[in-house]
Amino acid sequence: NTNFKKWNGFNIYSVDGSTVQVPNSEENLKIFGTNPNQYNKNGALASVSVLYDVMNDIIVDAEFSRYRSNERESAKNHIKKLSTKKNSIILFDRGYPSKDLFEYINSNNLLFLMRLSRSFKSLIFEESDKVIEYQQRNSKESILFHSDRGSQYSSNAYQDLLSEHKIVPSMSRKGNPYDNAVAENFFSNMKCECTNFYRFKTRQEAK
């Protein structure tokens, strides 16, 4: 559809997940599970994951699953349902990095940007040779490596490593680490304007 907006010819998608409270019925407790604490006395909770078209402000796919389900598996399910994979870029936050997901995204010929947490520092340096070899073997184009402005990424050692392998560094702007701001804002609005104030009687009503 020519009416859909793109960024420099690319479809821009964002994937993110959150936890929402669902009707506290016996059925939902069995299906989704719970996290009993001082704020939520055995209330039913569900994990929700969304694939969002950033340029067109459209939710492309959504998935409700058991509380604390694997977000990476939900991301794979979104990609399976994505009808337009060519010339598409998917944005992920720092909760998604894994070799398995990298390989899955690459097998679907998708481009992606993913925030990496500081806990990934050791993996980046200890496994750098394997990661670089894998990326270069599976990519015919120049590699763009995006990260936040953490000291490990701005260090001379890390920048030299990228330069050595002809990888182009990319960093978030100073004081603006919210690469996945659109999806984060969606969940914030949903909680503030909907789920925090209403009690749905059934799953169908919540949908």
Protein backbone atom coordinates (compact mmCIF):
# COMPACT_ATOMS: atom_id res chain seq x y z
CA ASN A 1 0.00 0.00 0.00
CA THR A 2 1.64 3.24 -1.16
CA ASN A 3 -0.18 5.21 1.56
CA PHE A 4 1.92 3.61 4.31
CA LYS A 5 4.79 5.75 5.54
CA LYS A 6 8.37 4.49 5.44
CA TRP A 7 11.73 5.78 6.63
CA ASN A 8 14.18 6.08 3.73
CA GLY A 9 12.39 3.19 2.03
CA PHE A 10 12.35 0.98 5.14
CA ASN A 11 9.44 -0.29 7.23
CA ILE A 12 10.25 0.49 10.89
CA TYR A 13 8.87 -1.89 13.50
CA SER A 14 9.30 -1.97 17.27
CA VAL A 15 8.94 -4.98 19.58
CA ASP A 16 8.44 -4.70 23.31
CA GLY A 17 6.72 -6.51 26.15
CA SER A 18 5.16 -5.70 29.48
CA THR A 19 3.08 -7.18 32.30
CA VAL A 20 -0.62 -6.40 32.68
CA GLN A 21 -3.20 -7.35 35.27
CA VAL A 22 -6.08 -9.39 33.87
CA PRO A 23 -9.45 -10.27 35.43
CA ASN A 24 -8.78 -12.24 38.60
CA SER A 25 -10.78 -15.32 37.65
CA GLU A 26 -9.93 -18.96 38.28
CA GLU A 27 -9.56 -19.47 34.53
CA ASN A 28 -7.07 -16.62 34.15
CA LEU A 29 -5.05 -17.71 37.19
CA LYS A 30 -4.71 -21.14 35.60
CA ILE A 31 -3.87 -19.82 32.12
CA PHE A 32 -1.63 -16.85 32.94
CA GLY A 33 -0.38 -17.34 36.50
CA THR A 34 0.33 -14.76 39.20
CA ASN A 35 2.99 -13.01 41.24
CA PRO A 36 1.75 -12.68 44.83
CA ASN A 37 3.21 -9.66 46.61
CA GLN A 38 2.14 -6.81 48.87
CA TYR A 39 0.55 -4.94 45.97
CA ASN A 40 -1.04 -7.82 44.10
CA LYS A 41 -2.59 -10.42 46.39
CA ASN A 42 -2.67 -13.48 44.14
CA GLY A 43 -4.04 -11.40 41.26
CA ALA A 44 -3.87 -12.82 37.75
CA LEU A 45 -1.07 -11.37 35.62
CA ALA A 46 -0.24 -11.85 31.95
CA SER A 47 2.74 -11.08 29.77
CA VAL A 48 1.88 -9.08 26.68
CA SER A 49 4.11 -8.49 23.67
CA VAL A 50 3.47 -6.11 20.78
CA LEU A 51 4.86 -5.61 17.28
CA TYR A 52 4.36 -1.95 16.42
CA ASP A 53 4.61 -0.09 13.09
CA VAL A 54 6.43 3.05 14.24
CA MET A 55 5.91 5.20 11.15
CA ASN A 56 2.19 4.48 10.79
CA ASP A 57 1.20 4.24 14.47
CA ILE A 58 -0.30 0.77 14.04
CA ILE A 59 -0.18 -2.34 16.23
CA VAL A 60 0.67 -5.07 13.73
CA ASP A 61 0.54 -8.02 16.13
CA ALA A 62 -0.05 -8.61 19.85
CA GLU A 63 0.34 -11.70 22.00
CA PHE A 64 -0.88 -12.49 25.50
CA SER A 65 0.97 -15.31 27.27
CA ARG A 66 1.69 -16.72 30.71
CA TYR A 67 3.23 -14.37 33.26
CA ARG A 68 7.01 -14.09 32.83
CA SER A 69 6.98 -15.87 29.49
CA ASN A 70 10.08 -15.64 27.31
CA GLU A 71 9.93 -12.30 25.46
CA ARG A 72 12.33 -13.57 22.80
CA GLU A 73 9.93 -16.37 21.85
CA SER A 74 7.12 -13.82 21.55
CA ALA A 75 9.40 -11.74 19.30
CA LYS A 76 9.92 -14.77 17.06
CA ASN A 77 6.16 -15.29 16.84
CA HIS A 78 5.73 -11.66 15.76
CA ILE A 79 8.35 -12.09 13.04
CA LYS A 80 6.62 -15.25 11.77
CA LYS A 81 3.43 -13.25 11.24
CA LEU A 82 5.19 -10.30 9.61
CA SER A 83 3.97 -10.21 6.02
CA THR A 84 6.56 -7.69 4.78
CA LYS A 85 10.07 -8.73 5.78
CA LYS A 86 11.95 -7.13 2.88
CA ASN A 87 13.36 -3.66 3.60
CA SER A 88 12.24 -3.83 7.23
CA ILE A 89 14.07 -2.79 10.41
CA ILE A 90 12.98 -4.00 13.85
CA LEU A 91 13.86 -2.13 17.06
CA PHE A 92 14.39 -4.00 20.34
CA ASP A 93 15.24 -2.84 23.86
CA ARG A 94 17.96 -4.29 26.09
CA GLY A 95 15.94 -7.30 27.27
CA TYR A 96 16.19 -9.18 23.96
CA PRO A 97 19.88 -9.79 23.07
CA SER A 98 20.70 -13.47 22.58
CA LYS A 99 22.62 -15.47 19.99
CA ASP A 100 19.51 -17.51 19.24
CA LEU A 101 17.41 -14.43 18.45
CA PHE A 102 20.23 -12.88 16.39
CA GLU A 103 20.37 -16.03 14.26
CA TYR A 104 16.59 -16.18 13.89
CA ILE A 105 16.34 -12.56 12.77
CA ASN A 106 19.20 -13.06 10.33
CA SER A 107 17.57 -16.20 8.89
CA ASN A 108 14.54 -14.05 8.04
CA ASN A 109 16.72 -11.48 6.23
CA LEU A 110 15.70 -8.68 8.60
CA LEU A 111 17.71 -5.70 9.77
CA PHE A 112 17.51 -4.74 13.43
CA LEU A 113 18.70 -2.34 16.12
CA MET A 114 18.98 -3.65 19.66
CA ARG A 115 20.05 -1.95 22.89
CA LEU A 116 22.70 -3.86 24.82
CA SER A 117 22.93 -3.71 28.60
CA ARG A 118 26.15 -3.46 30.57
CA SER A 119 25.84 -7.12 31.50
CA PHE A 120 26.51 -7.86 27.85
CA LYS A 121 29.96 -6.25 28.10
CA SER A 122 31.83 -9.45 28.95
CA LEU A 123 30.09 -11.35 26.16
CA ILE A 124 30.95 -8.64 23.65
CA PHE A 125 34.67 -8.75 24.44
CA GLU A 126 35.12 -12.43 25.28
CA GLU A 127 33.12 -13.62 22.28
CA SER A 128 33.91 -10.70 19.97
CA ASP A 129 35.86 -12.78 17.45
CA LYS A 130 33.01 -15.29 17.10
CA VAL A 131 30.33 -12.59 16.85
CA ILE A 132 32.27 -10.58 14.29
CA GLU A 133 33.05 -13.68 12.22
CA TYR A 134 29.38 -14.70 12.32
CA GLN A 135 28.12 -11.25 11.31
CA GLN A 136 30.58 -10.83 8.47
CA ARG A 137 29.89 -14.33 7.17
CA ASN A 138 26.15 -13.65 7.08
CA SER A 139 26.11 -10.06 5.92
CA LYS A 140 27.13 -8.77 2.51
CA GLU A 141 26.68 -5.15 3.57
CA SER A 142 28.52 -2.94 6.03
CA ILE A 143 27.69 -3.66 9.66
CA LEU A 144 26.24 -0.88 11.81
CA PHE A 145 26.53 -1.57 15.55
CA HIS A 146 24.17 0.54 17.68
CA SER A 147 24.46 0.93 21.46
CA ASP A 148 23.86 3.42 24.24
CA ARG A 149 26.64 5.70 25.50
CA GLY A 150 27.94 3.35 28.19
CA SER A 151 31.63 3.62 29.05
CA GLN A 152 32.30 0.13 27.70
CA TYR A 153 31.11 1.18 24.24
CA SER A 154 32.88 4.54 24.18
CA SER A 155 36.16 3.07 25.46
CA ASN A 156 39.21 3.16 23.18
CA ALA A 157 39.51 -0.63 23.34
CA TYR A 158 35.97 -1.17 22.09
CA GLN A 159 36.15 1.51 19.40
CA ASP A 160 39.46 0.07 18.18
CA LEU A 161 37.83 -3.36 17.97
CA LEU A 162 35.04 -2.01 15.76
CA SER A 163 37.47 -0.09 13.59
CA GLU A 164 39.69 -3.14 13.16
CA HIS A 165 36.79 -5.10 11.70
CA LYS A 166 35.37 -2.18 9.69
CA ILE A 167 32.18 -2.03 11.76
CA VAL A 168 30.45 1.35 11.90
CA PRO A 169 29.62 2.45 15.49
CA SER A 170 26.31 4.14 16.29
CA MET A 171 25.28 5.56 19.67
CA SER A 172 22.16 7.10 21.14
CA ARG A 173 22.20 10.83 21.67
CA LYS A 174 23.41 12.05 25.04
CA GLY A 175 20.62 11.90 27.61
CA ASN A 176 18.29 10.16 25.15
CA PRO A 177 18.61 6.37 25.55
CA TYR A 178 15.00 5.62 24.67
CA ASP A 179 15.47 3.81 21.37
CA ASN A 180 12.20 2.01 21.95
CA ALA A 181 10.25 5.02 23.20
CA VAL A 182 7.16 4.48 21.05
CA ALA A 183 6.36 1.03 22.43
CA GLU A 184 7.26 2.08 25.99
CA ASN A 185 4.88 5.03 25.69
CA PHE A 186 2.10 2.77 24.41
CA PHE A 187 2.28 0.50 27.47
CA SER A 188 2.49 3.48 29.82
CA ASN A 189 -0.66 4.99 28.31
CA MET A 190 -2.47 1.65 28.34
CA LYS A 191 -1.80 1.19 32.06
CA CYS A 192 -2.52 4.81 33.05
CA GLU A 193 -5.67 5.17 30.96
CA CYS A 194 -7.11 1.68 30.96
CA THR A 195 -5.92 -1.34 32.92
CA ASN A 196 -5.13 0.50 36.17
CA PHE A 197 -8.68 1.83 36.46
CA TYR A 198 -10.91 -0.88 35.00
CA ARG A 199 -11.65 -4.45 35.96
CA PHE A 200 -12.59 -6.59 32.99
CA LYS A 201 -14.92 -9.47 33.74
CA THR A 202 -13.73 -11.73 30.93
CA ARG A 203 -10.79 -12.12 28.58
CA GLN A 204 -13.06 -11.28 25.65
CA GLU A 205 -14.07 -7.99 27.27
CA ALA A 206 -10.41 -7.11 27.80
CA LYS A 207 -9.69 -7.73 24.11
